[in-house]
Amino acid sequence: MNLAILLVILIVVLALIFTIVLAGKSDETYRNDTKRNTTNLTLIYIVVILLSFIAVGVYIRWFV
């Protein structure tokens, strides 16, 4: 169980890091045009991470 949780956390963190790194590698006009998209994607990651922690907490509280 702990291994699965660690793997999920690792995958989410790596996905976030790679998204930010790839968003930074572009020419200047592309970077300006996609700033809003990157912000939206980052907010989605934050919401998903928070919901995942809540789901794991609920699972542990009521099913383990």
N, C-alpha and C. Protein backbone atom coordinates (compact mmCIF):
# COMPACT_ATOMS: atom_id res chain seq x y z
N MET A 1 0.82 -1.19 0.00
CA MET A 1 0.00 0.00 0.00
C MET A 1 0.87 1.26 0.00
N ASN A 2 1.89 1.27 0.86
CA ASN A 2 2.77 2.43 0.91
C ASN A 2 3.51 2.61 -0.40
N LEU A 3 3.89 1.50 -1.02
CA LEU A 3 4.59 1.58 -2.30
C LEU A 3 3.70 2.20 -3.37
N ALA A 4 2.43 1.82 -3.39
CA ALA A 4 1.50 2.36 -4.38
C ALA A 4 1.32 3.86 -4.18
N ILE A 5 1.19 4.29 -2.95
CA ILE A 5 1.03 5.72 -2.67
C ILE A 5 2.28 6.48 -3.09
N LEU A 6 3.43 5.94 -2.78
CA LEU A 6 4.68 6.60 -3.17
C LEU A 6 4.81 6.68 -4.69
N LEU A 7 4.41 5.63 -5.39
CA LEU A 7 4.48 5.65 -6.85
C LEU A 7 3.54 6.70 -7.44
N VAL A 8 2.34 6.81 -6.90
CA VAL A 8 1.40 7.82 -7.39
C VAL A 8 1.94 9.22 -7.15
N ILE A 9 2.47 9.46 -5.97
CA ILE A 9 3.04 10.78 -5.66
C ILE A 9 4.22 11.07 -6.58
N LEU A 10 5.07 10.09 -6.80
CA LEU A 10 6.22 10.27 -7.68
C LEU A 10 5.79 10.60 -9.10
N ILE A 11 4.81 9.89 -9.62
CA ILE A 11 4.33 10.13 -10.99
C ILE A 11 3.74 11.53 -11.12
N VAL A 12 2.96 11.95 -10.14
CA VAL A 12 2.35 13.28 -10.19
C VAL A 12 3.42 14.37 -10.15
N VAL A 13 4.39 14.21 -9.27
CA VAL A 13 5.45 15.21 -9.16
C VAL A 13 6.28 15.27 -10.44
N LEU A 14 6.62 14.11 -10.99
CA LEU A 14 7.38 14.09 -12.24
C LEU A 14 6.59 14.71 -13.38
N ALA A 15 5.30 14.43 -13.46
CA ALA A 15 4.47 15.02 -14.51
C ALA A 15 4.44 16.54 -14.39
N LEU A 16 4.33 17.03 -13.18
CA LEU A 16 4.33 18.47 -12.96
C LEU A 16 5.66 19.10 -13.35
N ILE A 17 6.75 18.47 -12.95
CA ILE A 17 8.08 18.99 -13.27
C ILE A 17 8.31 19.00 -14.78
N PHE A 18 7.98 17.89 -15.45
CA PHE A 18 8.19 17.83 -16.90
C PHE A 18 7.30 18.84 -17.63
N THR A 19 6.09 19.05 -17.15
CA THR A 19 5.21 20.03 -17.78
C THR A 19 5.81 21.43 -17.68
N ILE A 20 6.30 21.78 -16.51
CA ILE A 20 6.88 23.12 -16.33
C ILE A 20 8.17 23.26 -17.14
N VAL A 21 9.00 22.23 -17.17
CA VAL A 21 10.25 22.29 -17.93
C VAL A 21 9.96 22.42 -19.42
N LEU A 22 9.04 21.63 -19.94
CA LEU A 22 8.72 21.70 -21.36
C LEU A 22 8.05 23.01 -21.73
N ALA A 23 7.26 23.56 -20.84
CA ALA A 23 6.60 24.84 -21.12
C ALA A 23 7.62 25.97 -21.18
N GLY A 24 8.74 25.84 -20.50
CA GLY A 24 9.75 26.88 -20.50
C GLY A 24 10.66 26.84 -21.71
N LYS A 25 10.67 25.74 -22.45
CA LYS A 25 11.55 25.60 -23.61
C LYS A 25 10.80 25.95 -24.89
N SER A 26 10.81 27.23 -25.22
CA SER A 26 10.14 27.66 -26.44
C SER A 26 10.66 29.04 -26.83
N ASP A 27 10.26 29.48 -28.02
CA ASP A 27 10.64 30.83 -28.41
C ASP A 27 9.76 31.82 -27.64
N GLU A 28 10.12 33.09 -27.69
CA GLU A 28 9.49 34.09 -26.83
C GLU A 28 8.00 34.28 -27.13
N THR A 29 7.62 34.34 -28.39
CA THR A 29 6.20 34.56 -28.70
C THR A 29 5.35 33.36 -28.30
N TYR A 30 5.88 32.17 -28.51
CA TYR A 30 5.14 30.97 -28.11
C TYR A 30 4.98 30.95 -26.60
N ARG A 31 6.02 31.33 -25.90
CA ARG A 31 5.98 31.32 -24.43
C ARG A 31 4.92 32.31 -23.92
N ASN A 32 4.86 33.48 -24.52
CA ASN A 32 3.86 34.46 -24.10
C ASN A 32 2.44 33.98 -24.41
N ASP A 33 2.28 33.33 -25.55
CA ASP A 33 0.96 32.85 -25.95
C ASP A 33 0.47 31.70 -25.08
N THR A 34 1.37 30.91 -24.56
CA THR A 34 0.96 29.72 -23.81
C THR A 34 1.03 29.90 -22.29
N LYS A 35 1.31 31.11 -21.84
CA LYS A 35 1.41 31.33 -20.39
C LYS A 35 0.09 30.99 -19.70
N ARG A 36 -1.01 31.38 -20.28
CA ARG A 36 -2.32 31.08 -19.68
C ARG A 36 -2.57 29.58 -19.66
N ASN A 37 -2.22 28.88 -20.73
CA ASN A 37 -2.41 27.43 -20.76
C ASN A 37 -1.58 26.74 -19.68
N THR A 38 -0.37 27.19 -19.49
CA THR A 38 0.49 26.60 -18.45
C THR A 38 -0.08 26.86 -17.07
N THR A 39 -0.58 28.07 -16.86
CA THR A 39 -1.20 28.40 -15.57
C THR A 39 -2.41 27.51 -15.32
N ASN A 40 -3.25 27.35 -16.33
CA ASN A 40 -4.43 26.49 -16.18
C ASN A 40 -4.03 25.05 -15.88
N LEU A 41 -3.03 24.55 -16.57
CA LEU A 41 -2.59 23.18 -16.36
C LEU A 41 -2.01 23.01 -14.95
N THR A 42 -1.27 24.00 -14.49
CA THR A 42 -0.73 23.94 -13.13
C THR A 42 -1.85 23.93 -12.10
N LEU A 43 -2.87 24.74 -12.31
CA LEU A 43 -4.01 24.74 -11.40
C LEU A 43 -4.73 23.40 -11.40
N ILE A 44 -4.84 22.79 -12.57
CA ILE A 44 -5.46 21.46 -12.66
C ILE A 44 -4.65 20.46 -11.85
N TYR A 45 -3.32 20.50 -11.98
CA TYR A 45 -2.47 19.60 -11.19
C TYR A 45 -2.69 19.80 -9.70
N ILE A 46 -2.77 21.05 -9.26
CA ILE A 46 -2.96 21.33 -7.84
C ILE A 46 -4.28 20.75 -7.35
N VAL A 47 -5.34 20.95 -8.12
CA VAL A 47 -6.65 20.43 -7.73
C VAL A 47 -6.63 18.90 -7.70
N VAL A 48 -6.03 18.28 -8.71
CA VAL A 48 -5.98 16.82 -8.76
C VAL A 48 -5.16 16.26 -7.59
N ILE A 49 -4.06 16.91 -7.27
CA ILE A 49 -3.23 16.44 -6.14
C ILE A 49 -4.02 16.53 -4.84
N LEU A 50 -4.69 17.66 -4.61
CA LEU A 50 -5.48 17.81 -3.39
C LEU A 50 -6.60 16.77 -3.32
N LEU A 51 -7.31 16.57 -4.43
CA LEU A 51 -8.38 15.57 -4.44
C LEU A 51 -7.83 14.17 -4.24
N SER A 52 -6.65 13.90 -4.76
CA SER A 52 -6.03 12.58 -4.58
C SER A 52 -5.69 12.35 -3.12
N PHE A 53 -5.14 13.36 -2.45
CA PHE A 53 -4.84 13.22 -1.02
C PHE A 53 -6.12 13.00 -0.21
N ILE A 54 -7.17 13.72 -0.55
CA ILE A 54 -8.45 13.54 0.14
C ILE A 54 -8.97 12.12 -0.09
N ALA A 55 -8.90 11.64 -1.33
CA ALA A 55 -9.37 10.30 -1.65
C ALA A 55 -8.58 9.24 -0.90
N VAL A 56 -7.27 9.40 -0.82
CA VAL A 56 -6.44 8.44 -0.08
C VAL A 56 -6.80 8.49 1.40
N GLY A 57 -7.01 9.67 1.94
CA GLY A 57 -7.41 9.79 3.34
C GLY A 57 -8.74 9.12 3.62
N VAL A 58 -9.71 9.32 2.73
CA VAL A 58 -11.02 8.67 2.89
C VAL A 58 -10.86 7.17 2.79
N TYR A 59 -10.09 6.70 1.85
CA TYR A 59 -9.87 5.26 1.69
C TYR A 59 -9.24 4.66 2.95
N ILE A 60 -8.22 5.32 3.45
CA ILE A 60 -7.54 4.80 4.65
C ILE A 60 -8.48 4.84 5.86
N ARG A 61 -9.24 5.92 5.98
CA ARG A 61 -10.12 6.08 7.15
C ARG A 61 -11.24 5.04 7.17
N TRP A 62 -11.89 4.79 6.01
CA TRP A 62 -13.07 3.94 6.01
C TRP A 62 -12.87 2.53 5.47
N PHE A 63 -11.79 2.27 4.75
CA PHE A 63 -11.65 0.97 4.11
C PHE A 63 -10.44 0.17 4.56
N VAL A 64 -9.57 0.75 5.36
CA VAL A 64 -8.38 0.01 5.82
C VAL A 64 -8.49 -0.24 7.30
